[in-house]
Amino acid sequence: MSYGFNKSEHSPDPAITLPAPKKEKPDSRQAVSKALDAGKKLGFVSRQTQTRRKPGPRRTEAQGKLTLTGPQRVIERLQAYADSLGGVPYWQAVEKLLDEQERL
């Protein structure tokens, strides 16, 4: 197909040709599937987590926030205390200490 660009009296009509239409792309799902199969054969494993984390419990009371900064030794003691209670959240460890203090 010629659009008539660069016509001159001395040269023949240089035709501008359009590129050939591209072949249709293969199904991308099929290509991904082939790639995954090839990777499995070579020993690659997925790094995606296999399970989703469960959402936390529904909050039944108003929530507050506290950012605690203090000496490392005190923070480590609080962490160790929470771990000794079975890995409870820090707020539960603090609540237990406060309850014990109230009983005195």
PDB file of N, CA and C in Angstrom:
ATOM      1  N   MET A   1       0.855  -1.169   0.000  1.00  0.00           N
ATOM      2  CA  MET A   1       0.000   0.000   0.000  1.00  0.00           C
ATOM      3  C   MET A   1       0.898   1.227   0.000  1.00  0.00           C
ATOM      4  N   SER A   2       0.633   2.143  -0.858  1.00  0.00           N
ATOM      5  CA  SER A   2       1.459   3.328  -0.997  1.00  0.00           C
ATOM      6  C   SER A   2       0.683   4.550  -0.568  1.00  0.00           C
ATOM      7  N   TYR A   3       1.354   5.412   0.158  1.00  0.00           N
ATOM      8  CA  TYR A   3       0.716   6.652   0.597  1.00  0.00           C
ATOM      9  C   TYR A   3       1.277   7.859  -0.161  1.00  0.00           C
ATOM     10  N   GLY A   4       2.236   7.631  -1.040  1.00  0.00           N
ATOM     11  CA  GLY A   4       2.749   8.700  -1.878  1.00  0.00           C
ATOM     12  C   GLY A   4       3.791   9.573  -1.238  1.00  0.00           C
ATOM     13  N   PHE A   5       4.440   9.134  -0.174  1.00  0.00           N
ATOM     14  CA  PHE A   5       5.507   9.917   0.436  1.00  0.00           C
ATOM     15  C   PHE A   5       6.780   9.794  -0.385  1.00  0.00           C
ATOM     16  N   ASN A   6       7.577  10.816  -0.375  1.00  0.00           N
ATOM     17  CA  ASN A   6       8.884  10.854  -1.040  1.00  0.00           C
ATOM     18  C   ASN A   6       8.807  10.542  -2.534  1.00  0.00           C
ATOM     19  N   LYS A   7       7.787  10.968  -3.174  1.00  0.00           N
ATOM     20  CA  LYS A   7       7.717  10.775  -4.618  1.00  0.00           C
ATOM     21  C   LYS A   7       8.648  11.776  -5.277  1.00  0.00           C
ATOM     22  N   SER A   8       9.350  11.308  -6.242  1.00  0.00           N
ATOM     23  CA  SER A   8      10.186  12.228  -7.016  1.00  0.00           C
ATOM     24  C   SER A   8      10.073  11.855  -8.485  1.00  0.00           C
ATOM     25  N   GLU A   9      10.502  12.763  -9.340  1.00  0.00           N
ATOM     26  CA  GLU A   9      10.399  12.517 -10.775  1.00  0.00           C
ATOM     27  C   GLU A   9      11.392  11.461 -11.227  1.00  0.00           C
ATOM     28  N   HIS A  10      12.525  11.311 -10.493  1.00  0.00           N
ATOM     29  CA  HIS A  10      13.598  10.433 -10.931  1.00  0.00           C
ATOM     30  C   HIS A  10      13.497   9.014 -10.378  1.00  0.00           C
ATOM     31  N   SER A  11      12.730   8.808  -9.322  1.00  0.00           N
ATOM     32  CA  SER A  11      12.679   7.479  -8.741  1.00  0.00           C
ATOM     33  C   SER A  11      11.248   6.938  -8.791  1.00  0.00           C
ATOM     34  N   PRO A  12      11.155   5.630  -8.815  1.00  0.00           N
ATOM     35  CA  PRO A  12       9.814   5.061  -8.809  1.00  0.00           C
ATOM     36  C   PRO A  12       9.132   5.325  -7.455  1.00  0.00           C
ATOM     37  N   ASP A  13       7.870   5.109  -7.422  1.00  0.00           N
ATOM     38  CA  ASP A  13       7.075   5.356  -6.222  1.00  0.00           C
ATOM     39  C   ASP A  13       7.508   4.415  -5.096  1.00  0.00           C
ATOM     40  N   PRO A  14       8.198   4.923  -4.017  1.00  0.00           N
ATOM     41  CA  PRO A  14       8.563   4.047  -2.899  1.00  0.00           C
ATOM     42  C   PRO A  14       7.319   3.784  -2.049  1.00  0.00           C
ATOM     43  N   ALA A  15       6.924   2.577  -1.989  1.00  0.00           N
ATOM     44  CA  ALA A  15       5.710   2.238  -1.258  1.00  0.00           C
ATOM     45  C   ALA A  15       6.009   2.108   0.224  1.00  0.00           C
ATOM     46  N   ILE A  16       5.094   2.550   1.012  1.00  0.00           N
ATOM     47  CA  ILE A  16       5.178   2.373   2.458  1.00  0.00           C
ATOM     48  C   ILE A  16       4.284   1.187   2.772  1.00  0.00           C
ATOM     49  N   THR A  17       4.881   0.202   3.366  1.00  0.00           N
ATOM     50  CA  THR A  17       4.100  -0.989   3.660  1.00  0.00           C
ATOM     51  C   THR A  17       3.820  -1.071   5.145  1.00  0.00           C
ATOM     52  N   LEU A  18       2.665  -1.544   5.458  1.00  0.00           N
ATOM     53  CA  LEU A  18       2.285  -1.733   6.856  1.00  0.00           C
ATOM     54  C   LEU A  18       2.833  -3.063   7.329  1.00  0.00           C
ATOM     55  N   PRO A  19       3.172  -3.145   8.609  1.00  0.00           N
ATOM     56  CA  PRO A  19       3.661  -4.430   9.118  1.00  0.00           C
ATOM     57  C   PRO A  19       2.553  -5.478   9.056  1.00  0.00           C
ATOM     58  N   ALA A  20       2.986  -6.708   8.940  1.00  0.00           N
ATOM     59  CA  ALA A  20       2.020  -7.803   8.890  1.00  0.00           C
ATOM     60  C   ALA A  20       1.304  -7.886  10.232  1.00  0.00           C
ATOM     61  N   PRO A  21       0.047  -8.273  10.238  1.00  0.00           N
ATOM     62  CA  PRO A  21      -0.658  -8.388  11.519  1.00  0.00           C
ATOM     63  C   PRO A  21       0.008  -9.426  12.404  1.00  0.00           C
ATOM     64  N   LYS A  22       0.053  -9.101  13.681  1.00  0.00           N
ATOM     65  CA  LYS A  22       0.690 -10.009  14.638  1.00  0.00           C
ATOM     66  C   LYS A  22      -0.175 -11.232  14.843  1.00  0.00           C
ATOM     67  N   LYS A  23       0.498 -12.326  15.146  1.00  0.00           N
ATOM     68  CA  LYS A  23      -0.233 -13.538  15.456  1.00  0.00           C
ATOM     69  C   LYS A  23      -0.961 -13.329  16.771  1.00  0.00           C
ATOM     70  N   GLU A  24      -2.067 -13.987  16.919  1.00  0.00           N
ATOM     71  CA  GLU A  24      -2.818 -13.857  18.164  1.00  0.00           C
ATOM     72  C   GLU A  24      -2.011 -14.444  19.315  1.00  0.00           C
ATOM     73  N   LYS A  25      -2.093 -13.779  20.439  1.00  0.00           N
ATOM     74  CA  LYS A  25      -1.368 -14.242  21.615  1.00  0.00           C
ATOM     75  C   LYS A  25      -1.988 -15.536  22.119  1.00  0.00           C
ATOM     76  N   PRO A  26      -1.153 -16.459  22.597  1.00  0.00           N
ATOM     77  CA  PRO A  26      -1.728 -17.666  23.184  1.00  0.00           C
ATOM     78  C   PRO A  26      -2.416 -17.308  24.499  1.00  0.00           C
ATOM     79  N   ASP A  27      -3.296 -18.153  24.920  1.00  0.00           N
ATOM     80  CA  ASP A  27      -4.022 -17.922  26.165  1.00  0.00           C
ATOM     81  C   ASP A  27      -3.021 -17.730  27.294  1.00  0.00           C
ATOM     82  N   SER A  28      -3.092 -16.595  27.978  1.00  0.00           N
ATOM     83  CA  SER A  28      -2.109 -16.289  29.019  1.00  0.00           C
ATOM     84  C   SER A  28      -2.189 -17.283  30.172  1.00  0.00           C
ATOM     85  N   ARG A  29      -3.390 -17.795  30.466  1.00  0.00           N
ATOM     86  CA  ARG A  29      -3.512 -18.778  31.540  1.00  0.00           C
ATOM     87  C   ARG A  29      -2.772 -20.061  31.175  1.00  0.00           C
ATOM     88  N   GLN A  30      -2.852 -20.414  29.917  1.00  0.00           N
ATOM     89  CA  GLN A  30      -2.167 -21.616  29.462  1.00  0.00           C
ATOM     90  C   GLN A  30      -0.651 -21.415  29.539  1.00  0.00           C
ATOM     91  N   ALA A  31      -0.176 -20.238  29.163  1.00  0.00           N
ATOM     92  CA  ALA A  31       1.255 -19.950  29.224  1.00  0.00           C
ATOM     93  C   ALA A  31       1.758 -19.968  30.660  1.00  0.00           C
ATOM     94  N   VAL A  32       0.983 -19.396  31.572  1.00  0.00           N
ATOM     95  CA  VAL A  32       1.370 -19.386  32.985  1.00  0.00           C
ATOM     96  C   VAL A  32       1.385 -20.810  33.526  1.00  0.00           C
ATOM     97  N   SER A  33       0.399 -21.581  33.144  1.00  0.00           N
ATOM     98  CA  SER A  33       0.331 -22.971  33.600  1.00  0.00           C
ATOM     99  C   SER A  33       1.554 -23.763  33.135  1.00  0.00           C
ATOM    100  N   LYS A  34       1.950 -23.562  31.871  1.00  0.00           N
ATOM    101  CA  LYS A  34       3.141 -24.249  31.354  1.00  0.00           C
ATOM    102  C   LYS A  34       4.394 -23.823  32.123  1.00  0.00           C
ATOM    103  N   ALA A  35       4.491 -22.532  32.403  1.00  0.00           N
ATOM    104  CA  ALA A  35       5.657 -22.028  33.127  1.00  0.00           C
ATOM    105  C   ALA A  35       5.709 -22.599  34.537  1.00  0.00           C
ATOM    106  N   LEU A  36       4.561 -22.688  35.199  1.00  0.00           N
ATOM    107  CA  LEU A  36       4.522 -23.247  36.554  1.00  0.00           C
ATOM    108  C   LEU A  36       4.908 -24.727  36.545  1.00  0.00           C
ATOM    109  N   ASP A  37       4.420 -25.460  35.565  1.00  0.00           N
ATOM    110  CA  ASP A  37       4.775 -26.879  35.461  1.00  0.00           C
ATOM    111  C   ASP A  37       6.274 -27.051  35.238  1.00  0.00           C
ATOM    112  N   ALA A  38       6.836 -26.225  34.363  1.00  0.00           N
ATOM    113  CA  ALA A  38       8.269 -26.313  34.101  1.00  0.00           C
ATOM    114  C   ALA A  38       9.066 -25.981  35.365  1.00  0.00           C
ATOM    115  N   GLY A  39       8.607 -24.985  36.122  1.00  0.00           N
ATOM    116  CA  GLY A  39       9.293 -24.620  37.359  1.00  0.00           C
ATOM    117  C   GLY A  39       9.227 -25.730  38.392  1.00  0.00           C
ATOM    118  N   LYS A  40       8.074 -26.379  38.505  1.00  0.00           N
ATOM    119  CA  LYS A  40       7.938 -27.480  39.465  1.00  0.00           C
ATOM    120  C   LYS A  40       8.878 -28.622  39.113  1.00  0.00           C
ATOM    121  N   LYS A  41       9.006 -28.901  37.801  1.00  0.00           N
ATOM    122  CA  LYS A  41       9.920 -29.971  37.367  1.00  0.00           C
ATOM    123  C   LYS A  41      11.365 -29.652  37.734  1.00  0.00           C
ATOM    124  N   LEU A  42      11.693 -28.361  37.768  1.00  0.00           N
ATOM    125  CA  LEU A  42      13.059 -27.950  38.110  1.00  0.00           C
ATOM    126  C   LEU A  42      13.258 -27.775  39.607  1.00  0.00           C
ATOM    127  N   GLY A  43      12.196 -27.969  40.392  1.00  0.00           N
ATOM    128  CA  GLY A  43      12.324 -27.907  41.843  1.00  0.00           C
ATOM    129  C   GLY A  43      11.960 -26.576  42.472  1.00  0.00           C
ATOM    130  N   PHE A  44      11.414 -25.649  41.705  1.00  0.00           N
ATOM    131  CA  PHE A  44      11.009 -24.371  42.277  1.00  0.00           C
ATOM    132  C   PHE A  44       9.711 -24.542  43.048  1.00  0.00           C
ATOM    133  N   VAL A  45       9.583 -23.817  44.144  1.00  0.00           N
ATOM    134  CA  VAL A  45       8.360 -23.860  44.939  1.00  0.00           C
ATOM    135  C   VAL A  45       7.824 -22.447  45.088  1.00  0.00           C
ATOM    136  N   SER A  46       6.532 -22.346  45.294  1.00  0.00           N
ATOM    137  CA  SER A  46       5.880 -21.056  45.438  1.00  0.00           C
ATOM    138  C   SER A  46       6.261 -20.422  46.770  1.00  0.00           C
ATOM    139  N   ARG A  47       6.454 -19.113  46.772  1.00  0.00           N
ATOM    140  CA  ARG A  47       6.741 -18.402  48.015  1.00  0.00           C
ATOM    141  C   ARG A  47       5.487 -17.783  48.607  1.00  0.00           C
ATOM    142  N   GLN A  48       4.368 -17.953  47.941  1.00  0.00           N
ATOM    143  CA  GLN A  48       3.128 -17.393  48.456  1.00  0.00           C
ATOM    144  C   GLN A  48       2.664 -18.217  49.643  1.00  0.00           C
ATOM    145  N   THR A  49       2.093 -17.528  50.600  1.00  0.00           N
ATOM    146  CA  THR A  49       1.584 -18.244  51.764  1.00  0.00           C
ATOM    147  C   THR A  49       0.406 -19.101  51.347  1.00  0.00           C
ATOM    148  N   GLN A  50       0.331 -20.266  51.921  1.00  0.00           N
ATOM    149  CA  GLN A  50      -0.719 -21.201  51.542  1.00  0.00           C
ATOM    150  C   GLN A  50      -2.018 -20.935  52.276  1.00  0.00           C
ATOM    151  N   THR A  51      -1.931 -20.277  53.407  1.00  0.00           N
ATOM    152  CA  THR A  51      -3.139 -20.012  54.180  1.00  0.00           C
ATOM    153  C   THR A  51      -3.258 -18.523  54.436  1.00  0.00           C
ATOM    154  N   ARG A  52      -4.464 -18.088  54.541  1.00  0.00           N
ATOM    155  CA  ARG A  52      -4.709 -16.698  54.912  1.00  0.00           C
ATOM    156  C   ARG A  52      -4.861 -16.618  56.411  1.00  0.00           C
ATOM    157  N   ARG A  53      -4.394 -15.530  56.971  1.00  0.00           N
ATOM    158  CA  ARG A  53      -4.548 -15.345  58.415  1.00  0.00           C
ATOM    159  C   ARG A  53      -6.004 -15.091  58.725  1.00  0.00           C
ATOM    160  N   LYS A  54      -6.436 -15.641  59.825  1.00  0.00           N
ATOM    161  CA  LYS A  54      -7.802 -15.413  60.260  1.00  0.00           C
ATOM    162  C   LYS A  54      -7.910 -13.992  60.798  1.00  0.00           C
ATOM    163  N   PRO A  55      -9.046 -13.356  60.608  1.00  0.00           N
ATOM    164  CA  PRO A  55      -9.201 -12.037  61.215  1.00  0.00           C
ATOM    165  C   PRO A  55      -9.225 -12.173  62.732  1.00  0.00           C
ATOM    166  N   GLY A  56      -8.780 -11.156  63.397  1.00  0.00           N
ATOM    167  CA  GLY A  56      -8.750 -11.169  64.852  1.00  0.00           C
ATOM    168  C   GLY A  56     -10.155 -11.158  65.427  1.00  0.00           C
ATOM    169  N   PRO A  57     -10.234 -11.277  66.730  1.00  0.00           N
ATOM    170  CA  PRO A  57     -11.563 -11.286  67.355  1.00  0.00           C
ATOM    171  C   PRO A  57     -12.235  -9.923  67.199  1.00  0.00           C
ATOM    172  N   ARG A  58     -13.549  -9.955  67.179  1.00  0.00           N
ATOM    173  CA  ARG A  58     -14.304  -8.701  67.107  1.00  0.00           C
ATOM    174  C   ARG A  58     -14.112  -7.932  68.397  1.00  0.00           C
ATOM    175  N   ARG A  59     -13.909  -6.665  68.272  1.00  0.00           N
ATOM    176  CA  ARG A  59     -13.722  -5.820  69.446  1.00  0.00           C
ATOM    177  C   ARG A  59     -15.081  -5.492  70.044  1.00  0.00           C
ATOM    178  N   THR A  60     -15.230  -5.794  71.331  1.00  0.00           N
ATOM    179  CA  THR A  60     -16.511  -5.544  71.973  1.00  0.00           C
ATOM    180  C   THR A  60     -16.486  -4.275  72.816  1.00  0.00           C
ATOM    181  N   GLU A  61     -15.309  -3.734  73.041  1.00  0.00           N
ATOM    182  CA  GLU A  61     -15.234  -2.493  73.810  1.00  0.00           C
ATOM    183  C   GLU A  61     -14.334  -1.499  73.091  1.00  0.00           C
ATOM    184  N   ALA A  62     -14.438  -0.253  73.480  1.00  0.00           N
ATOM    185  CA  ALA A  62     -13.650   0.805  72.847  1.00  0.00           C
ATOM    186  C   ALA A  62     -12.163   0.513  73.011  1.00  0.00           C
ATOM    187  N   GLN A  63     -11.397   0.840  71.987  1.00  0.00           N
ATOM    188  CA  GLN A  63      -9.968   0.557  71.980  1.00  0.00           C
ATOM    189  C   GLN A  63      -9.176   1.845  72.181  1.00  0.00           C
ATOM    190  N   GLY A  64      -8.088   1.736  72.917  1.00  0.00           N
ATOM    191  CA  GLY A  64      -7.170   2.850  73.106  1.00  0.00           C
ATOM    192  C   GLY A  64      -5.802   2.430  72.601  1.00  0.00           C
ATOM    193  N   LYS A  65      -4.903   3.376  72.507  1.00  0.00           N
ATOM    194  CA  LYS A  65      -3.574   3.070  72.013  1.00  0.00           C
ATOM    195  C   LYS A  65      -2.553   3.725  72.925  1.00  0.00           C
ATOM    196  N   LEU A  66      -1.481   2.977  73.199  1.00  0.00           N
ATOM    197  CA  LEU A  66      -0.418   3.470  74.056  1.00  0.00           C
ATOM    198  C   LEU A  66       0.909   3.098  73.420  1.00  0.00           C
ATOM    199  N   THR A  67       1.760   4.074  73.226  1.00  0.00           N
ATOM    200  CA  THR A  67       3.108   3.807  72.752  1.00  0.00           C
ATOM    201  C   THR A  67       4.016   3.898  73.965  1.00  0.00           C
ATOM    202  N   LEU A  68       4.703   2.812  74.244  1.00  0.00           N
ATOM    203  CA  LEU A  68       5.477   2.720  75.466  1.00  0.00           C
ATOM    204  C   LEU A  68       6.963   2.755  75.157  1.00  0.00           C
ATOM    205  N   THR A  69       7.655   3.709  75.731  1.00  0.00           N
ATOM    206  CA  THR A  69       9.097   3.799  75.605  1.00  0.00           C
ATOM    207  C   THR A  69       9.667   3.793  77.009  1.00  0.00           C
ATOM    208  N   GLY A  70      10.683   3.011  77.216  1.00  0.00           N
ATOM    209  CA  GLY A  70      11.291   2.929  78.538  1.00  0.00           C
ATOM    210  C   GLY A  70      12.614   2.211  78.456  1.00  0.00           C
ATOM    211  N   PRO A  71      13.230   1.992  79.608  1.00  0.00           N
ATOM    212  CA  PRO A  71      14.512   1.282  79.610  1.00  0.00           C
ATOM    213  C   PRO A  71      14.348  -0.120  79.005  1.00  0.00           C
ATOM    214  N   GLN A  72      15.333  -0.529  78.256  1.00  0.00           N
ATOM    215  CA  GLN A  72      15.296  -1.830  77.587  1.00  0.00           C
ATOM    216  C   GLN A  72      15.032  -2.970  78.573  1.00  0.00           C
ATOM    217  N   ARG A  73      15.655  -2.889  79.754  1.00  0.00           N
ATOM    218  CA  ARG A  73      15.501  -3.964  80.738  1.00  0.00           C
ATOM    219  C   ARG A  73      14.054  -4.105  81.196  1.00  0.00           C
ATOM    220  N   VAL A  74      13.331  -2.984  81.321  1.00  0.00           N
ATOM    221  CA  VAL A  74      11.938  -3.024  81.763  1.00  0.00           C
ATOM    222  C   VAL A  74      11.048  -3.581  80.648  1.00  0.00           C
ATOM    223  N   ILE A  75      11.282  -3.126  79.437  1.00  0.00           N
ATOM    224  CA  ILE A  75      10.503  -3.608  78.294  1.00  0.00           C
ATOM    225  C   ILE A  75      10.716  -5.111  78.130  1.00  0.00           C
ATOM    226  N   GLU A  76      11.956  -5.570  78.269  1.00  0.00           N
ATOM    227  CA  GLU A  76      12.241  -7.005  78.154  1.00  0.00           C
ATOM    228  C   GLU A  76      11.562  -7.803  79.264  1.00  0.00           C
ATOM    229  N   ARG A  77      11.483  -7.228  80.452  1.00  0.00           N
ATOM    230  CA  ARG A  77      10.781  -7.915  81.550  1.00  0.00           C
ATOM    231  C   ARG A  77       9.297  -8.058  81.240  1.00  0.00           C
ATOM    232  N   LEU A  78       8.696  -7.004  80.681  1.00  0.00           N
ATOM    233  CA  LEU A  78       7.285  -7.070  80.308  1.00  0.00           C
ATOM    234  C   LEU A  78       7.072  -8.128  79.224  1.00  0.00           C
ATOM    235  N   GLN A  79       7.961  -8.161  78.239  1.00  0.00           N
ATOM    236  CA  GLN A  79       7.858  -9.158  77.174  1.00  0.00           C
ATOM    237  C   GLN A  79       7.994 -10.567  77.737  1.00  0.00           C
ATOM    238  N   ALA A  80       8.945 -10.763  78.626  1.00  0.00           N
ATOM    239  CA  ALA A  80       9.150 -12.082  79.230  1.00  0.00           C
ATOM    240  C   ALA A  80       7.943 -12.482  80.065  1.00  0.00           C
ATOM    241  N   TYR A  81       7.364 -11.532  80.789  1.00  0.00           N
ATOM    242  CA  TYR A  81       6.184 -11.817  81.602  1.00  0.00           C
ATOM    243  C   TYR A  81       5.011 -12.236  80.709  1.00  0.00           C
ATOM    244  N   ALA A  82       4.805 -11.519  79.607  1.00  0.00           N
ATOM    245  CA  ALA A  82       3.720 -11.870  78.682  1.00  0.00           C
ATOM    246  C   ALA A  82       3.967 -13.249  78.082  1.00  0.00           C
ATOM    247  N   ASP A  83       5.209 -13.564  77.770  1.00  0.00           N
ATOM    248  CA  ASP A  83       5.545 -14.890  77.236  1.00  0.00           C
ATOM    249  C   ASP A  83       5.291 -15.979  78.273  1.00  0.00           C
ATOM    250  N   SER A  84       5.583 -15.676  79.551  1.00  0.00           N
ATOM    251  CA  SER A  84       5.385 -16.676  80.595  1.00  0.00           C
ATOM    252  C   SER A  84       3.899 -16.967  80.840  1.00  0.00           C
ATOM    253  N   LEU A  85       3.039 -16.048  80.450  1.00  0.00           N
ATOM    254  CA  LEU A  85       1.598 -16.252  80.576  1.00  0.00           C
ATOM    255  C   LEU A  85       1.021 -16.981  79.360  1.00  0.00           C
ATOM    256  N   GLY A  86       1.881 -17.450  78.506  1.00  0.00           N
ATOM    257  CA  GLY A  86       1.408 -18.172  77.319  1.00  0.00           C
ATOM    258  C   GLY A  86       1.414 -17.333  76.060  1.00  0.00           C
ATOM    259  N   GLY A  87       2.214 -16.295  76.052  1.00  0.00           N
ATOM    260  CA  GLY A  87       2.294 -15.459  74.852  1.00  0.00           C
ATOM    261  C   GLY A  87       1.105 -14.536  74.681  1.00  0.00           C
ATOM    262  N   VAL A  88       0.547 -14.070  75.780  1.00  0.00           N
ATOM    263  CA  VAL A  88      -0.608 -13.174  75.703  1.00  0.00           C
ATOM    264  C   VAL A  88      -0.159 -11.802  75.198  1.00  0.00           C
ATOM    265  N   PRO A  89      -1.085 -11.017  74.676  1.00  0.00           N
ATOM    266  CA  PRO A  89      -0.735  -9.641  74.285  1.00  0.00           C
ATOM    267  C   PRO A  89      -0.281  -8.841  75.505  1.00  0.00           C
ATOM    268  N   TYR A  90       0.514  -7.830  75.255  1.00  0.00           N
ATOM    269  CA  TYR A  90       1.071  -7.034  76.359  1.00  0.00           C
ATOM    270  C   TYR A  90      -0.030  -6.401  77.194  1.00  0.00           C
ATOM    271  N   TRP A  91      -1.120  -5.991  76.546  1.00  0.00           N
ATOM    272  CA  TRP A  91      -2.181  -5.355  77.324  1.00  0.00           C
ATOM    273  C   TRP A  91      -2.789  -6.337  78.325  1.00  0.00           C
ATOM    274  N   GLN A  92      -2.852  -7.613  77.986  1.00  0.00           N
ATOM    275  CA  GLN A  92      -3.380  -8.587  78.936  1.00  0.00           C
ATOM    276  C   GLN A  92      -2.407  -8.805  80.092  1.00  0.00           C
ATOM    277  N   ALA A  93      -1.109  -8.771  79.793  1.00  0.00           N
ATOM    278  CA  ALA A  93      -0.110  -8.905  80.860  1.00  0.00           C
ATOM    279  C   ALA A  93      -0.193  -7.716  81.810  1.00  0.00           C
ATOM    280  N   VAL A  94      -0.348  -6.522  81.261  1.00  0.00           N
ATOM    281  CA  VAL A  94      -0.461  -5.326  82.097  1.00  0.00           C
ATOM    282  C   VAL A  94      -1.749  -5.390  82.911  1.00  0.00           C
ATOM    283  N   GLU A  95      -2.847  -5.840  82.293  1.00  0.00           N
ATOM    284  CA  GLU A  95      -4.124  -5.959  83.008  1.00  0.00           C
ATOM    285  C   GLU A  95      -4.001  -6.930  84.174  1.00  0.00           C
ATOM    286  N   LYS A  96      -3.301  -8.038  83.969  1.00  0.00           N
ATOM    287  CA  LYS A  96      -3.114  -9.012  85.044  1.00  0.00           C
ATOM    288  C   LYS A  96      -2.328  -8.386  86.196  1.00  0.00           C
ATOM    289  N   LEU A  97      -1.272  -7.643  85.879  1.00  0.00           N
ATOM    290  CA  LEU A  97      -0.494  -6.971  86.923  1.00  0.00           C
ATOM    291  C   LEU A  97      -1.341  -5.944  87.676  1.00  0.00           C
ATOM    292  N   LEU A  98      -2.162  -5.191  86.946  1.00  0.00           N
ATOM    293  CA  LEU A  98      -3.026  -4.202  87.592  1.00  0.00           C
ATOM    294  C   LEU A  98      -4.059  -4.873  88.495  1.00  0.00           C
ATOM    295  N   ASP A  99      -4.630  -6.006  88.044  1.00  0.00           N
ATOM    296  CA  ASP A  99      -5.596  -6.737  88.866  1.00  0.00           C
ATOM    297  C   ASP A  99      -4.946  -7.244  90.146  1.00  0.00           C
ATOM    298  N   GLU A 100      -3.725  -7.750  90.039  1.00  0.00           N
ATOM    299  CA  GLU A 100      -3.009  -8.222  91.223  1.00  0.00           C
ATOM    300  C   GLU A 100      -2.721  -7.072  92.188  1.00  0.00           C
ATOM    301  N   GLN A 101      -2.407  -5.901  91.634  1.00  0.00           N
ATOM    302  CA  GLN A 101      -2.133  -4.731  92.466  1.00  0.00           C
ATOM    303  C   GLN A 101      -3.388  -4.286  93.208  1.00  0.00           C
ATOM    304  N   GLU A 102      -4.541  -4.364  92.551  1.00  0.00           N
ATOM    305  CA  GLU A 102      -5.804  -3.961  93.187  1.00  0.00           C
ATOM    306  C   GLU A 102      -6.173  -4.896  94.336  1.00  0.00           C
ATOM    307  N   ARG A 103      -5.789  -6.163  94.245  1.00  0.00           N
ATOM    308  CA  ARG A 103      -6.131  -7.115  95.298  1.00  0.00           C
ATOM    309  C   ARG A 103      -5.303  -6.891  96.554  1.00  0.00           C
ATOM    310  N   LEU A 104      -4.190  -6.202  96.434  1.00  0.00           N
ATOM    311  CA  LEU A 104      -3.329  -5.968  97.618  1.00  0.00           C
ATOM    312  C   LEU A 104      -3.874  -4.921  98.524  1.00  0.00           C
TER     313      LEU A 104
END
